[in-house]
Amino acid sequence: MRYLLLINDQESMFATMSPQEMGKMMGDYGKFHEELSASGAFKDAARLRPVATATTVRVRNGKTLTTDGPFAETKEQLGGYYLIDVKNLDEAIRWAAKIPSANHGCVEVRPVWEENEQ
């Protein structure tokens, strides 16, 4: 079953990190990625640009409305994702707990609604 692991962090935290702290975190991500890839569960991943570059789109009464930034004010912002294919939710949670950002932010685990499902 495929799961999307949505990584949420406080973007402002990165500006206060020392180069050593940032290097350690990126190294931890590299190790996580290697382990996930070696397991065969890895399908896709991407880091997202900051929320200041986001545009939110809504359609109301047939009119397309756009807003700069994310759709809601939150303490943590979506910063990236991993798409994995594992046996069940428990296995997806184990992988989510290994993502370095789970130590200071959160990782939302969402099952993918497959095309053949009703």
PDB file of N, CA and C in Angstrom:
ATOM      1  N   MET A   1       0.851  -1.185   0.000  1.00  0.00           N
ATOM      2  CA  MET A   1       0.000   0.000   0.000  1.00  0.00           C
ATOM      3  C   MET A   1       0.894   1.244   0.000  1.00  0.00           C
ATOM      4  N   ARG A   2       0.488   2.234  -0.766  1.00  0.00           N
ATOM      5  CA  ARG A   2       1.277   3.466  -0.822  1.00  0.00           C
ATOM      6  C   ARG A   2       0.808   4.449   0.243  1.00  0.00           C
ATOM      7  N   TYR A   3       1.789   5.134   0.834  1.00  0.00           N
ATOM      8  CA  TYR A   3       1.531   6.173   1.835  1.00  0.00           C
ATOM      9  C   TYR A   3       2.359   7.399   1.478  1.00  0.00           C
ATOM     10  N   LEU A   4       1.780   8.559   1.725  1.00  0.00           N
ATOM     11  CA  LEU A   4       2.483   9.818   1.558  1.00  0.00           C
ATOM     12  C   LEU A   4       2.872  10.300   2.945  1.00  0.00           C
ATOM     13  N   LEU A   5       4.154  10.523   3.157  1.00  0.00           N
ATOM     14  CA  LEU A   5       4.664  11.038   4.426  1.00  0.00           C
ATOM     15  C   LEU A   5       4.915  12.533   4.233  1.00  0.00           C
ATOM     16  N   LEU A   6       4.057  13.364   4.806  1.00  0.00           N
ATOM     17  CA  LEU A   6       4.109  14.816   4.633  1.00  0.00           C
ATOM     18  C   LEU A   6       4.920  15.428   5.768  1.00  0.00           C
ATOM     19  N   ILE A   7       6.016  16.071   5.425  1.00  0.00           N
ATOM     20  CA  ILE A   7       6.958  16.600   6.404  1.00  0.00           C
ATOM     21  C   ILE A   7       6.621  18.056   6.701  1.00  0.00           C
ATOM     22  N   ASN A   8       6.343  18.356   7.969  1.00  0.00           N
ATOM     23  CA  ASN A   8       5.991  19.709   8.395  1.00  0.00           C
ATOM     24  C   ASN A   8       7.006  20.218   9.405  1.00  0.00           C
ATOM     25  N   ASP A   9       7.568  21.390   9.126  1.00  0.00           N
ATOM     26  CA  ASP A   9       8.567  22.034   9.984  1.00  0.00           C
ATOM     27  C   ASP A   9       8.198  23.499  10.173  1.00  0.00           C
ATOM     28  N   GLN A  10       8.834  24.119  11.135  1.00  0.00           N
ATOM     29  CA  GLN A  10       8.764  25.578  11.246  1.00  0.00           C
ATOM     30  C   GLN A  10       9.870  26.135  10.357  1.00  0.00           C
ATOM     31  N   GLU A  11       9.491  26.766   9.261  1.00  0.00           N
ATOM     32  CA  GLU A  11      10.496  27.304   8.344  1.00  0.00           C
ATOM     33  C   GLU A  11      11.445  28.274   9.028  1.00  0.00           C
ATOM     34  N   SER A  12      10.934  29.063   9.958  1.00  0.00           N
ATOM     35  CA  SER A  12      11.765  30.067  10.624  1.00  0.00           C
ATOM     36  C   SER A  12      12.918  29.432  11.396  1.00  0.00           C
ATOM     37  N   MET A  13      12.780  28.180  11.782  1.00  0.00           N
ATOM     38  CA  MET A  13      13.815  27.479  12.529  1.00  0.00           C
ATOM     39  C   MET A  13      15.110  27.370  11.720  1.00  0.00           C
ATOM     40  N   PHE A  14      14.984  27.192  10.401  1.00  0.00           N
ATOM     41  CA  PHE A  14      16.172  26.986   9.578  1.00  0.00           C
ATOM     42  C   PHE A  14      17.082  28.215   9.549  1.00  0.00           C
ATOM     43  N   ALA A  15      16.506  29.395   9.656  1.00  0.00           N
ATOM     44  CA  ALA A  15      17.305  30.628   9.644  1.00  0.00           C
ATOM     45  C   ALA A  15      18.159  30.758  10.897  1.00  0.00           C
ATOM     46  N   THR A  16      17.777  30.090  11.967  1.00  0.00           N
ATOM     47  CA  THR A  16      18.524  30.189  13.224  1.00  0.00           C
ATOM     48  C   THR A  16      19.513  29.044  13.417  1.00  0.00           C
ATOM     49  N   MET A  17      19.524  28.095  12.500  1.00  0.00           N
ATOM     50  CA  MET A  17      20.437  26.957  12.624  1.00  0.00           C
ATOM     51  C   MET A  17      21.842  27.342  12.182  1.00  0.00           C
ATOM     52  N   SER A  18      22.819  26.846  12.901  1.00  0.00           N
ATOM     53  CA  SER A  18      24.212  27.062  12.504  1.00  0.00           C
ATOM     54  C   SER A  18      24.510  26.188  11.290  1.00  0.00           C
ATOM     55  N   PRO A  19      25.566  26.505  10.551  1.00  0.00           N
ATOM     56  CA  PRO A  19      25.934  25.644   9.416  1.00  0.00           C
ATOM     57  C   PRO A  19      26.179  24.190   9.861  1.00  0.00           C
ATOM     58  N   GLN A  20      26.713  24.009  11.059  1.00  0.00           N
ATOM     59  CA  GLN A  20      26.960  22.659  11.568  1.00  0.00           C
ATOM     60  C   GLN A  20      25.634  21.927  11.833  1.00  0.00           C
ATOM     61  N   GLU A  21      24.671  22.630  12.432  1.00  0.00           N
ATOM     62  CA  GLU A  21      23.367  22.020  12.704  1.00  0.00           C
ATOM     63  C   GLU A  21      22.657  21.660  11.394  1.00  0.00           C
ATOM     64  N   MET A  22      22.710  22.570  10.430  1.00  0.00           N
ATOM     65  CA  MET A  22      22.080  22.309   9.139  1.00  0.00           C
ATOM     66  C   MET A  22      22.778  21.136   8.451  1.00  0.00           C
ATOM     67  N   GLY A  23      24.095  21.103   8.519  1.00  0.00           N
ATOM     68  CA  GLY A  23      24.852  20.000   7.923  1.00  0.00           C
ATOM     69  C   GLY A  23      24.495  18.663   8.543  1.00  0.00           C
ATOM     70  N   LYS A  24      24.339  18.640   9.863  1.00  0.00           N
ATOM     71  CA  LYS A  24      23.974  17.399  10.547  1.00  0.00           C
ATOM     72  C   LYS A  24      22.589  16.948  10.109  1.00  0.00           C
ATOM     73  N   MET A  25      21.643  17.881  10.067  1.00  0.00           N
ATOM     74  CA  MET A  25      20.295  17.519   9.677  1.00  0.00           C
ATOM     75  C   MET A  25      20.268  16.978   8.241  1.00  0.00           C
ATOM     76  N   MET A  26      20.970  17.634   7.335  1.00  0.00           N
ATOM     77  CA  MET A  26      20.986  17.172   5.949  1.00  0.00           C
ATOM     78  C   MET A  26      21.683  15.812   5.849  1.00  0.00           C
ATOM     79  N   GLY A  27      22.709  15.602   6.656  1.00  0.00           N
ATOM     80  CA  GLY A  27      23.358  14.290   6.703  1.00  0.00           C
ATOM     81  C   GLY A  27      22.411  13.218   7.211  1.00  0.00           C
ATOM     82  N   ASP A  28      21.616  13.572   8.234  1.00  0.00           N
ATOM     83  CA  ASP A  28      20.616  12.633   8.763  1.00  0.00           C
ATOM     84  C   ASP A  28      19.579  12.291   7.693  1.00  0.00           C
ATOM     85  N   TYR A  29      19.180  13.295   6.916  1.00  0.00           N
ATOM     86  CA  TYR A  29      18.252  13.031   5.815  1.00  0.00           C
ATOM     87  C   TYR A  29      18.886  12.109   4.777  1.00  0.00           C
ATOM     88  N   GLY A  30      20.157  12.317   4.488  1.00  0.00           N
ATOM     89  CA  GLY A  30      20.863  11.453   3.537  1.00  0.00           C
ATOM     90  C   GLY A  30      20.878  10.004   4.008  1.00  0.00           C
ATOM     91  N   LYS A  31      21.158   9.794   5.288  1.00  0.00           N
ATOM     92  CA  LYS A  31      21.170   8.435   5.852  1.00  0.00           C
ATOM     93  C   LYS A  31      19.778   7.820   5.798  1.00  0.00           C
ATOM     94  N   PHE A  32      18.747   8.613   6.164  1.00  0.00           N
ATOM     95  CA  PHE A  32      17.373   8.125   6.106  1.00  0.00           C
ATOM     96  C   PHE A  32      17.025   7.705   4.680  1.00  0.00           C
ATOM     97  N   HIS A  33      17.354   8.553   3.719  1.00  0.00           N
ATOM     98  CA  HIS A  33      17.029   8.278   2.319  1.00  0.00           C
ATOM     99  C   HIS A  33      17.717   6.997   1.844  1.00  0.00           C
ATOM    100  N   GLU A  34      18.974   6.822   2.220  1.00  0.00           N
ATOM    101  CA  GLU A  34      19.696   5.602   1.839  1.00  0.00           C
ATOM    102  C   GLU A  34      19.025   4.364   2.420  1.00  0.00           C
ATOM    103  N   GLU A  35      18.649   4.422   3.700  1.00  0.00           N
ATOM    104  CA  GLU A  35      18.000   3.289   4.352  1.00  0.00           C
ATOM    105  C   GLU A  35      16.652   2.978   3.702  1.00  0.00           C
ATOM    106  N   LEU A  36      15.866   4.014   3.448  1.00  0.00           N
ATOM    107  CA  LEU A  36      14.560   3.831   2.827  1.00  0.00           C
ATOM    108  C   LEU A  36      14.709   3.250   1.422  1.00  0.00           C
ATOM    109  N   SER A  37      15.645   3.754   0.651  1.00  0.00           N
ATOM    110  CA  SER A  37      15.877   3.251  -0.707  1.00  0.00           C
ATOM    111  C   SER A  37      16.310   1.791  -0.683  1.00  0.00           C
ATOM    112  N   ALA A  38      17.201   1.460   0.225  1.00  0.00           N
ATOM    113  CA  ALA A  38      17.700   0.087   0.322  1.00  0.00           C
ATOM    114  C   ALA A  38      16.591  -0.889   0.710  1.00  0.00           C
ATOM    115  N   SER A  39      15.577  -0.415   1.419  1.00  0.00           N
ATOM    116  CA  SER A  39      14.482  -1.284   1.862  1.00  0.00           C
ATOM    117  C   SER A  39      13.536  -1.666   0.719  1.00  0.00           C
ATOM    118  N   GLY A  40      13.555  -0.884  -0.357  1.00  0.00           N
ATOM    119  CA  GLY A  40      12.634  -1.108  -1.460  1.00  0.00           C
ATOM    120  C   GLY A  40      11.311  -0.375  -1.312  1.00  0.00           C
ATOM    121  N   ALA A  41      11.104   0.322  -0.202  1.00  0.00           N
ATOM    122  CA  ALA A  41       9.842   1.030   0.039  1.00  0.00           C
ATOM    123  C   ALA A  41       9.789   2.394  -0.651  1.00  0.00           C
ATOM    124  N   PHE A  42      10.945   2.960  -0.978  1.00  0.00           N
ATOM    125  CA  PHE A  42      11.006   4.308  -1.565  1.00  0.00           C
ATOM    126  C   PHE A  42      10.398   4.338  -2.955  1.00  0.00           C
ATOM    127  N   LYS A  43       9.517   5.337  -3.192  1.00  0.00           N
ATOM    128  CA  LYS A  43       8.933   5.554  -4.517  1.00  0.00           C
ATOM    129  C   LYS A  43       9.260   6.940  -5.062  1.00  0.00           C
ATOM    130  N   ASP A  44       9.208   7.967  -4.216  1.00  0.00           N
ATOM    131  CA  ASP A  44       9.453   9.334  -4.672  1.00  0.00           C
ATOM    132  C   ASP A  44       9.636  10.222  -3.446  1.00  0.00           C
ATOM    133  N   ALA A  45      10.272  11.361  -3.636  1.00  0.00           N
ATOM    134  CA  ALA A  45      10.438  12.341  -2.560  1.00  0.00           C
ATOM    135  C   ALA A  45      10.778  13.679  -3.191  1.00  0.00           C
ATOM    136  N   ALA A  46      10.471  14.759  -2.470  1.00  0.00           N
ATOM    137  CA  ALA A  46      10.866  16.090  -2.922  1.00  0.00           C
ATOM    138  C   ALA A  46      10.842  17.043  -1.751  1.00  0.00           C
ATOM    139  N   ARG A  47      11.754  17.992  -1.803  1.00  0.00           N
ATOM    140  CA  ARG A  47      11.781  19.102  -0.856  1.00  0.00           C
ATOM    141  C   ARG A  47      11.055  20.263  -1.530  1.00  0.00           C
ATOM    142  N   LEU A  48      10.202  20.930  -0.784  1.00  0.00           N
ATOM    143  CA  LEU A  48       9.443  22.041  -1.352  1.00  0.00           C
ATOM    144  C   LEU A  48      10.126  23.377  -1.071  1.00  0.00           C
ATOM    145  N   ARG A  49       9.919  24.321  -1.941  1.00  0.00           N
ATOM    146  CA  ARG A  49      10.430  25.678  -1.724  1.00  0.00           C
ATOM    147  C   ARG A  49       9.631  26.316  -0.590  1.00  0.00           C
ATOM    148  N   PRO A  50      10.147  27.407   0.016  1.00  0.00           N
ATOM    149  CA  PRO A  50       9.473  28.040   1.163  1.00  0.00           C
ATOM    150  C   PRO A  50       8.042  28.491   0.848  1.00  0.00           C
ATOM    151  N   VAL A  51       7.240  28.618   1.901  1.00  0.00           N
ATOM    152  CA  VAL A  51       5.831  28.995   1.731  1.00  0.00           C
ATOM    153  C   VAL A  51       5.680  30.369   1.086  1.00  0.00           C
ATOM    154  N   ALA A  52       6.661  31.219   1.184  1.00  0.00           N
ATOM    155  CA  ALA A  52       6.586  32.536   0.552  1.00  0.00           C
ATOM    156  C   ALA A  52       6.475  32.420  -0.965  1.00  0.00           C
ATOM    157  N   THR A  53       6.846  31.271  -1.527  1.00  0.00           N
ATOM    158  CA  THR A  53       6.774  31.075  -2.972  1.00  0.00           C
ATOM    159  C   THR A  53       5.475  30.385  -3.387  1.00  0.00           C
ATOM    160  N   ALA A  54       4.627  30.032  -2.416  1.00  0.00           N
ATOM    161  CA  ALA A  54       3.395  29.293  -2.701  1.00  0.00           C
ATOM    162  C   ALA A  54       2.283  30.217  -3.199  1.00  0.00           C
ATOM    163  N   THR A  55       1.379  29.635  -3.960  1.00  0.00           N
ATOM    164  CA  THR A  55       0.156  30.305  -4.385  1.00  0.00           C
ATOM    165  C   THR A  55      -1.000  29.360  -4.100  1.00  0.00           C
ATOM    166  N   THR A  56      -2.043  29.877  -3.466  1.00  0.00           N
ATOM    167  CA  THR A  56      -3.226  29.080  -3.185  1.00  0.00           C
ATOM    168  C   THR A  56      -4.318  29.469  -4.178  1.00  0.00           C
ATOM    169  N   VAL A  57      -4.978  28.469  -4.753  1.00  0.00           N
ATOM    170  CA  VAL A  57      -6.019  28.692  -5.753  1.00  0.00           C
ATOM    171  C   VAL A  57      -7.357  28.212  -5.198  1.00  0.00           C
ATOM    172  N   ARG A  58      -8.373  29.060  -5.324  1.00  0.00           N
ATOM    173  CA  ARG A  58      -9.750  28.719  -4.972  1.00  0.00           C
ATOM    174  C   ARG A  58     -10.641  29.137  -6.137  1.00  0.00           C
ATOM    175  N   VAL A  59     -11.698  28.373  -6.379  1.00  0.00           N
ATOM    176  CA  VAL A  59     -12.693  28.767  -7.369  1.00  0.00           C
ATOM    177  C   VAL A  59     -13.994  28.985  -6.616  1.00  0.00           C
ATOM    178  N   ARG A  60     -14.527  30.210  -6.722  1.00  0.00           N
ATOM    179  CA  ARG A  60     -15.786  30.574  -6.053  1.00  0.00           C
ATOM    180  C   ARG A  60     -16.696  31.220  -7.085  1.00  0.00           C
ATOM    181  N   ASN A  61     -17.902  30.677  -7.213  1.00  0.00           N
ATOM    182  CA  ASN A  61     -18.871  31.205  -8.177  1.00  0.00           C
ATOM    183  C   ASN A  61     -18.278  31.319  -9.580  1.00  0.00           C
ATOM    184  N   GLY A  62     -17.486  30.319  -9.955  1.00  0.00           N
ATOM    185  CA  GLY A  62     -16.904  30.292 -11.287  1.00  0.00           C
ATOM    186  C   GLY A  62     -15.703  31.183 -11.487  1.00  0.00           C
ATOM    187  N   LYS A  63     -15.271  31.917 -10.461  1.00  0.00           N
ATOM    188  CA  LYS A  63     -14.113  32.810 -10.567  1.00  0.00           C
ATOM    189  C   LYS A  63     -12.924  32.173  -9.875  1.00  0.00           C
ATOM    190  N   THR A  64     -11.768  32.208 -10.536  1.00  0.00           N
ATOM    191  CA  THR A  64     -10.536  31.707  -9.951  1.00  0.00           C
ATOM    192  C   THR A  64      -9.902  32.802  -9.111  1.00  0.00           C
ATOM    193  N   LEU A  65      -9.693  32.500  -7.838  1.00  0.00           N
ATOM    194  CA  LEU A  65      -9.070  33.438  -6.906  1.00  0.00           C
ATOM    195  C   LEU A  65      -7.726  32.879  -6.477  1.00  0.00           C
ATOM    196  N   THR A  66      -6.709  33.716  -6.479  1.00  0.00           N
ATOM    197  CA  THR A  66      -5.389  33.278  -6.030  1.00  0.00           C
ATOM    198  C   THR A  66      -4.944  34.119  -4.850  1.00  0.00           C
ATOM    199  N   THR A  67      -4.207  33.479  -3.960  1.00  0.00           N
ATOM    200  CA  THR A  67      -3.660  34.140  -2.788  1.00  0.00           C
ATOM    201  C   THR A  67      -2.193  33.747  -2.674  1.00  0.00           C
ATOM    202  N   ASP A  68      -1.345  34.711  -2.386  1.00  0.00           N
ATOM    203  CA  ASP A  68       0.056  34.386  -2.148  1.00  0.00           C
ATOM    204  C   ASP A  68       0.164  33.621  -0.841  1.00  0.00           C
ATOM    205  N   GLY A  69       1.016  32.613  -0.841  1.00  0.00           N
ATOM    206  CA  GLY A  69       1.289  31.870   0.381  1.00  0.00           C
ATOM    207  C   GLY A  69       0.383  30.674   0.555  1.00  0.00           C
ATOM    208  N   PRO A  70       0.552  30.020   1.705  1.00  0.00           N
ATOM    209  CA  PRO A  70      -0.221  28.802   1.973  1.00  0.00           C
ATOM    210  C   PRO A  70      -1.676  29.133   2.287  1.00  0.00           C
ATOM    211  N   PHE A  71      -2.513  28.111   2.314  1.00  0.00           N
ATOM    212  CA  PHE A  71      -3.944  28.301   2.495  1.00  0.00           C
ATOM    213  C   PHE A  71      -4.332  28.649   3.915  1.00  0.00           C
ATOM    214  N   ALA A  72      -3.468  28.378   4.886  1.00  0.00           N
ATOM    215  CA  ALA A  72      -3.830  28.630   6.286  1.00  0.00           C
ATOM    216  C   ALA A  72      -2.601  29.066   7.069  1.00  0.00           C
ATOM    217  N   GLU A  73      -2.823  29.860   8.089  1.00  0.00           N
ATOM    218  CA  GLU A  73      -1.750  30.238   9.001  1.00  0.00           C
ATOM    219  C   GLU A  73      -1.527  29.075   9.962  1.00  0.00           C
ATOM    220  N   THR A  74      -0.335  28.533   9.946  1.00  0.00           N
ATOM    221  CA  THR A  74      -0.006  27.436  10.836  1.00  0.00           C
ATOM    222  C   THR A  74       1.371  27.654  11.430  1.00  0.00           C
ATOM    223  N   LYS A  75       1.633  26.976  12.520  1.00  0.00           N
ATOM    224  CA  LYS A  75       2.944  27.062  13.157  1.00  0.00           C
ATOM    225  C   LYS A  75       3.985  26.318  12.323  1.00  0.00           C
ATOM    226  N   GLU A  76       3.559  25.223  11.709  1.00  0.00           N
ATOM    227  CA  GLU A  76       4.459  24.415  10.894  1.00  0.00           C
ATOM    228  C   GLU A  76       3.984  24.437   9.450  1.00  0.00           C
ATOM    229  N   GLN A  77       4.941  24.357   8.526  1.00  0.00           N
ATOM    230  CA  GLN A  77       4.624  24.420   7.112  1.00  0.00           C
ATOM    231  C   GLN A  77       5.056  23.121   6.431  1.00  0.00           C
ATOM    232  N   LEU A  78       4.333  22.749   5.373  1.00  0.00           N
ATOM    233  CA  LEU A  78       4.690  21.584   4.584  1.00  0.00           C
ATOM    234  C   LEU A  78       5.994  21.872   3.863  1.00  0.00           C
ATOM    235  N   GLY A  79       6.994  21.054   4.137  1.00  0.00           N
ATOM    236  CA  GLY A  79       8.313  21.302   3.563  1.00  0.00           C
ATOM    237  C   GLY A  79       8.776  20.252   2.571  1.00  0.00           C
ATOM    238  N   GLY A  80       8.085  19.127   2.535  1.00  0.00           N
ATOM    239  CA  GLY A  80       8.486  18.070   1.619  1.00  0.00           C
ATOM    240  C   GLY A  80       7.676  16.822   1.865  1.00  0.00           C
ATOM    241  N   TYR A  81       8.007  15.782   1.112  1.00  0.00           N
ATOM    242  CA  TYR A  81       7.260  14.538   1.249  1.00  0.00           C
ATOM    243  C   TYR A  81       8.108  13.353   0.818  1.00  0.00           C
ATOM    244  N   TYR A  82       7.702  12.193   1.260  1.00  0.00           N
ATOM    245  CA  TYR A  82       8.178  10.914   0.753  1.00  0.00           C
ATOM    246  C   TYR A  82       6.946  10.111   0.362  1.00  0.00           C
ATOM    247  N   LEU A  83       7.003   9.466  -0.775  1.00  0.00           N
ATOM    248  CA  LEU A  83       5.978   8.515  -1.184  1.00  0.00           C
ATOM    249  C   LEU A  83       6.603   7.138  -1.021  1.00  0.00           C
ATOM    250  N   ILE A  84       5.957   6.293  -0.209  1.00  0.00           N
ATOM    251  CA  ILE A  84       6.501   4.969   0.064  1.00  0.00           C
ATOM    252  C   ILE A  84       5.453   3.909  -0.263  1.00  0.00           C
ATOM    253  N   ASP A  85       5.906   2.690  -0.442  1.00  0.00           N
ATOM    254  CA  ASP A  85       5.020   1.555  -0.678  1.00  0.00           C
ATOM    255  C   ASP A  85       5.399   0.483   0.337  1.00  0.00           C
ATOM    256  N   VAL A  86       4.524   0.266   1.311  1.00  0.00           N
ATOM    257  CA  VAL A  86       4.787  -0.659   2.407  1.00  0.00           C
ATOM    258  C   VAL A  86       3.563  -1.539   2.649  1.00  0.00           C
ATOM    259  N   LYS A  87       3.705  -2.511   3.550  1.00  0.00           N
ATOM    260  CA  LYS A  87       2.637  -3.488   3.798  1.00  0.00           C
ATOM    261  C   LYS A  87       1.423  -2.893   4.485  1.00  0.00           C
ATOM    262  N   ASN A  88       1.643  -1.956   5.445  1.00  0.00           N
ATOM    263  CA  ASN A  88       0.510  -1.476   6.241  1.00  0.00           C
ATOM    264  C   ASN A  88       0.860  -0.158   6.941  1.00  0.00           C
ATOM    265  N   LEU A  89      -0.119   0.382   7.652  1.00  0.00           N
ATOM    266  CA  LEU A  89       0.050   1.655   8.346  1.00  0.00           C
ATOM    267  C   LEU A  89       1.146   1.585   9.399  1.00  0.00           C
ATOM    268  N   ASP A  90       1.249   0.484  10.113  1.00  0.00           N
ATOM    269  CA  ASP A  90       2.293   0.366  11.137  1.00  0.00           C
ATOM    270  C   ASP A  90       3.684   0.542  10.541  1.00  0.00           C
ATOM    271  N   GLU A  91       3.917  -0.066   9.378  1.00  0.00           N
ATOM    272  CA  GLU A  91       5.211   0.073   8.720  1.00  0.00           C
ATOM    273  C   GLU A  91       5.420   1.510   8.247  1.00  0.00           C
ATOM    274  N   ALA A  92       4.374   2.153   7.740  1.00  0.00           N
ATOM    275  CA  ALA A  92       4.469   3.555   7.312  1.00  0.00           C
ATOM    276  C   ALA A  92       4.812   4.452   8.498  1.00  0.00           C
ATOM    277  N   ILE A  93       4.214   4.186   9.643  1.00  0.00           N
ATOM    278  CA  ILE A  93       4.504   4.977  10.851  1.00  0.00           C
ATOM    279  C   ILE A  93       5.950   4.777  11.286  1.00  0.00           C
ATOM    280  N   ARG A  94       6.448   3.564  11.190  1.00  0.00           N
ATOM    281  CA  ARG A  94       7.858   3.324  11.561  1.00  0.00           C
ATOM    282  C   ARG A  94       8.799   4.151  10.682  1.00  0.00           C
ATOM    283  N   TRP A  95       8.514   4.210   9.366  1.00  0.00           N
ATOM    284  CA  TRP A  95       9.337   5.032   8.479  1.00  0.00           C
ATOM    285  C   TRP A  95       9.184   6.520   8.803  1.00  0.00           C
ATOM    286  N   ALA A  96       7.959   6.964   9.054  1.00  0.00           N
ATOM    287  CA  ALA A  96       7.727   8.381   9.372  1.00  0.00           C
ATOM    288  C   ALA A  96       8.501   8.798  10.612  1.00  0.00           C
ATOM    289  N   ALA A  97       8.574   7.924  11.595  1.00  0.00           N
ATOM    290  CA  ALA A  97       9.288   8.235  12.842  1.00  0.00           C
ATOM    291  C   ALA A  97      10.788   8.374  12.622  1.00  0.00           C
ATOM    292  N   LYS A  98      11.311   7.821  11.536  1.00  0.00           N
ATOM    293  CA  LYS A  98      12.742   7.901  11.235  1.00  0.00           C
ATOM    294  C   LYS A  98      13.107   9.178  10.480  1.00  0.00           C
ATOM    295  N   ILE A  99      12.123   9.893   9.964  1.00  0.00           N
ATOM    296  CA  ILE A  99      12.415  11.126   9.226  1.00  0.00           C
ATOM    297  C   ILE A  99      12.965  12.157  10.206  1.00  0.00           C
ATOM    298  N   PRO A 100      14.128  12.746   9.928  1.00  0.00           N
ATOM    299  CA  PRO A 100      14.741  13.682  10.876  1.00  0.00           C
ATOM    300  C   PRO A 100      13.821  14.795  11.362  1.00  0.00           C
ATOM    301  N   SER A 101      12.952  15.310  10.523  1.00  0.00           N
ATOM    302  CA  SER A 101      12.068  16.405  10.936  1.00  0.00           C
ATOM    303  C   SER A 101      11.036  15.984  11.968  1.00  0.00           C
ATOM    304  N   ALA A 102      10.819  14.693  12.145  1.00  0.00           N
ATOM    305  CA  ALA A 102       9.890  14.234  13.184  1.00  0.00           C
ATOM    306  C   ALA A 102      10.401  14.605  14.574  1.00  0.00           C
ATOM    307  N   ASN A 103      11.706  14.891  14.692  1.00  0.00           N
ATOM    308  CA  ASN A 103      12.298  15.263  15.980  1.00  0.00           C
ATOM    309  C   ASN A 103      11.989  16.690  16.408  1.00  0.00           C
ATOM    310  N   HIS A 104      11.586  17.550  15.464  1.00  0.00           N
ATOM    311  CA  HIS A 104      11.292  18.947  15.826  1.00  0.00           C
ATOM    312  C   HIS A 104      10.008  19.458  15.191  1.00  0.00           C
ATOM    313  N   GLY A 105       9.505  18.782  14.193  1.00  0.00           N
ATOM    314  CA  GLY A 105       8.241  19.131  13.556  1.00  0.00           C
ATOM    315  C   GLY A 105       7.311  17.943  13.654  1.00  0.00           C
ATOM    316  N   CYS A 106       6.604  17.654  12.569  1.00  0.00           N
ATOM    317  CA  CYS A 106       5.748  16.460  12.559  1.00  0.00           C
ATOM    318  C   CYS A 106       5.707  15.896  11.149  1.00  0.00           C
ATOM    319  N   VAL A 107       5.314  14.634  11.059  1.00  0.00           N
ATOM    320  CA  VAL A 107       5.158  13.968   9.773  1.00  0.00           C
ATOM    321  C   VAL A 107       3.754  13.381   9.738  1.00  0.00           C
ATOM    322  N   GLU A 108       2.961  13.836   8.796  1.00  0.00           N
ATOM    323  CA  GLU A 108       1.608  13.314   8.620  1.00  0.00           C
ATOM    324  C   GLU A 108       1.679  12.112   7.677  1.00  0.00           C
ATOM    325  N   VAL A 109       1.047  11.020   8.065  1.00  0.00           N
ATOM    326  CA  VAL A 109       1.025   9.798   7.262  1.00  0.00           C
ATOM    327  C   VAL A 109      -0.357   9.678   6.630  1.00  0.00           C
ATOM    328  N   ARG A 110      -0.395   9.677   5.295  1.00  0.00           N
ATOM    329  CA  ARG A 110      -1.679   9.616   4.588  1.00  0.00           C
ATOM    330  C   ARG A 110      -1.651   8.485   3.579  1.00  0.00           C
ATOM    331  N   PRO A 111      -2.613   7.560   3.655  1.00  0.00           N
ATOM    332  CA  PRO A 111      -2.694   6.526   2.628  1.00  0.00           C
ATOM    333  C   PRO A 111      -3.128   7.145   1.303  1.00  0.00           C
ATOM    334  N   VAL A 112      -2.569   6.613   0.228  1.00  0.00           N
ATOM    335  CA  VAL A 112      -2.930   7.066  -1.115  1.00  0.00           C
ATOM    336  C   VAL A 112      -4.175   6.306  -1.555  1.00  0.00           C
ATOM    337  N   TRP A 113      -5.149   7.016  -2.073  1.00  0.00           N
ATOM    338  CA  TRP A 113      -6.359   6.401  -2.588  1.00  0.00           C
ATOM    339  C   TRP A 113      -6.032   5.893  -3.994  1.00  0.00           C
ATOM    340  N   GLU A 114      -5.908   4.593  -4.115  1.00  0.00           N
ATOM    341  CA  GLU A 114      -5.510   3.996  -5.383  1.00  0.00           C
ATOM    342  C   GLU A 114      -6.648   4.088  -6.394  1.00  0.00           C
ATOM    343  N   GLU A 115      -6.310   4.112  -7.676  1.00  0.00           N
ATOM    344  CA  GLU A 115      -7.296   4.287  -8.750  1.00  0.00           C
ATOM    345  C   GLU A 115      -8.389   3.230  -8.733  1.00  0.00           C
ATOM    346  N   ASN A 116      -8.056   2.000  -8.372  1.00  0.00           N
ATOM    347  CA  ASN A 116      -9.030   0.923  -8.428  1.00  0.00           C
ATOM    348  C   ASN A 116      -9.884   0.821  -7.168  1.00  0.00           C
ATOM    349  N   GLU A 117      -9.684   1.706  -6.202  1.00  0.00           N
ATOM    350  CA  GLU A 117     -10.477   1.709  -4.977  1.00  0.00           C
ATOM    351  C   GLU A 117     -11.726   2.571  -5.150  1.00  0.00           C
ATOM    352  N   GLN A 118     -12.786   2.211  -4.464  1.00  0.00           N
ATOM    353  CA  GLN A 118     -14.013   2.992  -4.498  1.00  0.00           C
ATOM    354  C   GLN A 118     -14.074   3.939  -3.325  1.00  0.00           C
TER     355      GLN A 118
END
